[in-house]
N, C-alpha and C. Protein backbone atom coordinates (compact mmCIF):
# COMPACT_ATOMS: atom_id res chain seq x y z
N MET A 1 0.03 -12.59 -16.68
CA MET A 1 0.33 -11.45 -17.47
C MET A 1 1.85 -11.28 -17.40
N ALA A 2 2.60 -11.32 -18.53
CA ALA A 2 4.04 -11.14 -18.57
C ALA A 2 4.34 -9.81 -18.68
N THR A 3 5.16 -9.21 -17.88
CA THR A 3 5.63 -7.79 -17.91
C THR A 3 7.15 -7.72 -17.74
N SER A 4 7.78 -6.73 -18.32
CA SER A 4 9.23 -6.50 -18.17
C SER A 4 9.41 -5.27 -17.62
N ILE A 5 10.59 -5.08 -16.78
CA ILE A 5 11.00 -3.93 -16.05
C ILE A 5 12.34 -3.74 -16.26
N ARG A 6 12.87 -2.49 -16.02
CA ARG A 6 14.16 -2.32 -16.15
C ARG A 6 14.62 -1.82 -14.70
N MET A 7 15.70 -2.38 -14.24
CA MET A 7 16.15 -2.13 -12.77
C MET A 7 17.44 -1.68 -12.75
N ALA A 8 17.79 -0.78 -11.88
CA ALA A 8 19.10 -0.44 -11.68
C ALA A 8 19.95 -1.53 -11.43
N PRO A 9 21.28 -1.69 -11.81
CA PRO A 9 22.11 -2.81 -11.75
C PRO A 9 22.33 -3.37 -10.26
N GLU A 10 22.43 -2.10 -9.50
CA GLU A 10 22.60 -2.56 -7.99
C GLU A 10 21.21 -3.24 -7.50
N THR A 11 20.09 -2.79 -7.82
CA THR A 11 18.91 -3.39 -7.39
C THR A 11 18.89 -4.89 -7.86
N GLU A 12 19.17 -5.15 -9.19
CA GLU A 12 19.23 -6.58 -9.70
C GLU A 12 20.15 -7.21 -9.00
N LYS A 13 21.09 -6.75 -8.50
CA LYS A 13 22.40 -7.66 -7.81
C LYS A 13 21.78 -7.95 -6.41
N ARG A 14 21.04 -6.96 -5.74
CA ARG A 14 20.55 -7.40 -4.55
C ARG A 14 19.29 -8.40 -4.57
N LEU A 15 18.57 -8.33 -5.75
CA LEU A 15 17.52 -9.40 -5.91
C LEU A 15 18.33 -10.65 -6.25
N ASP A 16 19.24 -10.72 -7.08
CA ASP A 16 19.98 -11.94 -7.34
C ASP A 16 20.46 -12.61 -6.10
N ALA A 17 21.03 -11.83 -5.13
CA ALA A 17 21.59 -12.32 -4.02
C ALA A 17 20.53 -12.87 -2.95
N LEU A 18 19.52 -12.05 -2.81
CA LEU A 18 18.53 -12.46 -2.10
C LEU A 18 17.90 -13.83 -2.56
N ALA A 19 17.59 -13.91 -3.79
CA ALA A 19 16.99 -15.38 -4.30
C ALA A 19 18.03 -16.39 -4.22
N ALA A 20 19.58 -16.05 -4.41
CA ALA A 20 20.31 -17.24 -4.24
C ALA A 20 20.39 -17.51 -2.78
N ARG A 21 20.45 -16.63 -1.83
CA ARG A 21 20.73 -17.06 -0.52
C ARG A 21 19.37 -17.90 0.14
N THR A 22 18.24 -17.59 -0.44
CA THR A 22 16.99 -18.09 0.10
C THR A 22 16.46 -19.34 -0.58
N GLY A 23 16.96 -19.55 -1.84
CA GLY A 23 16.38 -20.51 -2.67
C GLY A 23 15.13 -20.30 -3.32
N ARG A 24 14.76 -19.13 -3.33
CA ARG A 24 13.37 -18.82 -3.90
C ARG A 24 13.84 -18.01 -5.22
N THR A 25 12.95 -17.91 -6.10
CA THR A 25 13.03 -17.35 -7.40
C THR A 25 13.01 -15.78 -7.37
N LYS A 26 13.74 -15.09 -8.36
CA LYS A 26 13.63 -13.77 -8.47
C LYS A 26 12.11 -13.22 -8.68
N ALA A 27 11.34 -14.10 -9.44
CA ALA A 27 10.02 -13.94 -9.77
C ALA A 27 9.07 -13.97 -8.51
N TYR A 28 9.66 -14.86 -7.46
CA TYR A 28 8.71 -14.86 -6.26
C TYR A 28 8.88 -13.62 -5.43
N TYR A 29 10.00 -12.93 -5.47
CA TYR A 29 10.29 -11.83 -4.72
C TYR A 29 9.66 -10.55 -5.40
N LEU A 30 9.82 -10.56 -6.76
CA LEU A 30 9.04 -9.47 -7.38
C LEU A 30 7.71 -9.35 -7.14
N ARG A 31 6.99 -10.65 -7.22
CA ARG A 31 5.68 -10.66 -6.95
C ARG A 31 5.39 -10.01 -5.52
N GLU A 32 6.08 -10.52 -4.54
CA GLU A 32 6.03 -10.04 -3.15
C GLU A 32 6.17 -8.54 -3.07
N ILE A 33 7.10 -8.12 -3.68
CA ILE A 33 7.32 -6.49 -3.66
C ILE A 33 6.35 -5.82 -4.15
N ILE A 34 5.85 -6.40 -5.31
CA ILE A 34 4.72 -5.56 -6.05
C ILE A 34 3.49 -5.62 -5.31
N ASP A 35 3.01 -6.89 -4.81
CA ASP A 35 1.85 -6.99 -3.92
C ASP A 35 1.89 -6.04 -2.80
N ARG A 36 2.86 -6.08 -2.04
CA ARG A 36 2.82 -5.27 -0.86
C ARG A 36 3.10 -3.71 -1.07
N GLY A 37 3.84 -3.49 -2.20
CA GLY A 37 3.99 -2.06 -2.49
C GLY A 37 2.68 -1.60 -3.23
N LEU A 38 1.94 -2.35 -3.91
CA LEU A 38 0.67 -1.86 -4.39
C LEU A 38 -0.32 -1.65 -3.27
N GLU A 39 -0.29 -2.64 -2.29
CA GLU A 39 -1.28 -2.19 -1.41
C GLU A 39 -0.87 -0.93 -0.54
N ASP A 40 0.31 -0.76 -0.43
CA ASP A 40 0.67 0.59 0.28
C ASP A 40 0.18 1.75 -0.48
N MET A 41 0.51 1.67 -1.98
CA MET A 41 0.14 2.74 -2.62
C MET A 41 -1.31 3.00 -2.83
N GLU A 42 -2.07 1.90 -2.92
CA GLU A 42 -3.64 2.09 -2.81
C GLU A 42 -4.04 2.74 -1.56
N ASP A 43 -3.46 2.34 -0.38
CA ASP A 43 -3.65 3.02 0.88
C ASP A 43 -3.47 4.39 0.74
N TYR A 44 -2.30 4.72 0.31
CA TYR A 44 -2.06 6.21 0.24
C TYR A 44 -2.61 7.10 -0.67
N TYR A 45 -2.82 6.59 -1.94
CA TYR A 45 -3.63 7.31 -3.11
C TYR A 45 -5.07 7.52 -2.72
N LEU A 46 -5.69 6.38 -2.47
CA LEU A 46 -7.02 6.39 -1.97
C LEU A 46 -7.27 7.34 -0.75
N ALA A 47 -6.56 7.37 0.13
CA ALA A 47 -6.67 8.18 1.45
C ALA A 47 -6.46 9.62 0.80
N ALA A 48 -5.55 9.97 0.15
CA ALA A 48 -5.32 11.37 -0.41
C ALA A 48 -6.54 11.76 -1.17
N ASP A 49 -7.29 10.69 -1.97
CA ASP A 49 -8.40 11.19 -2.51
C ASP A 49 -9.53 11.70 -1.70
N VAL A 50 -9.62 10.83 -0.56
CA VAL A 50 -10.80 11.19 0.43
C VAL A 50 -10.35 12.53 1.13
N LEU A 51 -9.06 12.62 1.66
CA LEU A 51 -8.69 13.96 2.14
C LEU A 51 -9.07 15.19 1.36
N GLU A 52 -8.92 14.99 -0.03
CA GLU A 52 -9.31 16.02 -0.85
C GLU A 52 -10.69 16.18 -0.80
N LEU A 53 -11.63 15.44 -0.90
CA LEU A 53 -13.04 15.37 -0.80
C LEU A 53 -13.40 16.07 0.54
N VAL A 54 -12.81 15.77 1.54
CA VAL A 54 -12.95 16.24 2.82
C VAL A 54 -12.86 17.79 2.99
N ARG A 55 -11.40 18.14 2.30
CA ARG A 55 -11.27 19.70 2.20
C ARG A 55 -12.18 20.25 1.32
N LYS A 56 -12.76 19.57 0.46
CA LYS A 56 -13.78 20.48 -0.51
C LYS A 56 -15.13 20.33 0.20
N GLY A 57 -15.40 19.74 1.19
CA GLY A 57 -16.52 19.72 1.96
C GLY A 57 -17.50 18.69 1.31
N ARG A 58 -17.03 17.61 0.56
CA ARG A 58 -17.89 16.80 -0.09
C ARG A 58 -17.78 15.24 0.59
N GLU A 59 -17.16 15.32 1.65
CA GLU A 59 -17.07 13.92 2.38
C GLU A 59 -17.18 14.16 3.78
N ALA A 60 -18.24 13.54 4.57
CA ALA A 60 -18.64 13.80 5.90
C ALA A 60 -17.49 13.42 6.72
N VAL A 61 -17.36 14.14 7.83
CA VAL A 61 -16.29 13.94 8.89
C VAL A 61 -17.09 13.64 10.34
N PHE A 62 -16.56 12.80 11.24
CA PHE A 62 -17.18 12.62 12.32
C PHE A 62 -16.15 12.60 13.39
N THR A 63 -16.56 13.13 14.56
CA THR A 63 -15.52 13.06 15.78
C THR A 63 -15.72 11.67 16.54
N LEU A 64 -14.77 11.42 17.27
CA LEU A 64 -14.95 10.14 17.94
C LEU A 64 -16.17 10.17 18.83
N ASP A 65 -16.32 11.16 19.55
CA ASP A 65 -17.65 11.38 20.33
C ASP A 65 -18.67 11.19 19.56
N ASP A 66 -19.01 11.64 18.32
CA ASP A 66 -20.11 11.43 17.57
C ASP A 66 -20.14 9.91 17.13
N VAL A 67 -19.07 9.18 16.83
CA VAL A 67 -19.29 7.75 16.50
C VAL A 67 -19.68 6.92 17.82
N GLU A 68 -18.92 7.31 18.90
CA GLU A 68 -19.20 6.51 19.98
C GLU A 68 -20.68 6.62 20.30
N HIS A 69 -21.34 7.87 20.46
CA HIS A 69 -22.65 8.11 20.80
C HIS A 69 -23.55 7.45 19.80
N GLU A 70 -23.17 7.50 18.57
CA GLU A 70 -24.07 6.84 17.39
C GLU A 70 -24.15 5.27 17.60
N LEU A 71 -23.13 4.62 18.17
CA LEU A 71 -22.91 3.14 18.36
C LEU A 71 -23.34 2.98 19.78
N GLY A 72 -23.87 3.89 20.45
CA GLY A 72 -24.19 3.57 22.09
C GLY A 72 -22.92 3.23 22.78
N LEU A 73 -21.92 3.78 22.57
CA LEU A 73 -20.49 3.36 23.20
C LEU A 73 -19.89 4.53 24.21
N ALA A 74 -20.88 5.49 24.15
CA ALA A 74 -20.55 6.78 24.94
C ALA A 74 -20.54 6.37 26.40
N ASP A 75 -19.68 7.09 27.14
CA ASP A 75 -19.72 6.78 28.67
C ASP A 75 -20.82 7.33 29.29
């Protein structure tokens, strides 16, 4: 899927310099940045959704002691 984005001139210069110094394409780095950034955003926003459910009492919460006992790992 082709997508276009606008970058600040300084960001584009940094990307150009990185690509030139490493011999990789700008597209390579953009894919890497998006993949890593997307993973971080998924972690953050999905965790925020679960936290909201916990606060509303709609998601169960367990202590470490509860989990260890349930799994037979308690001392």
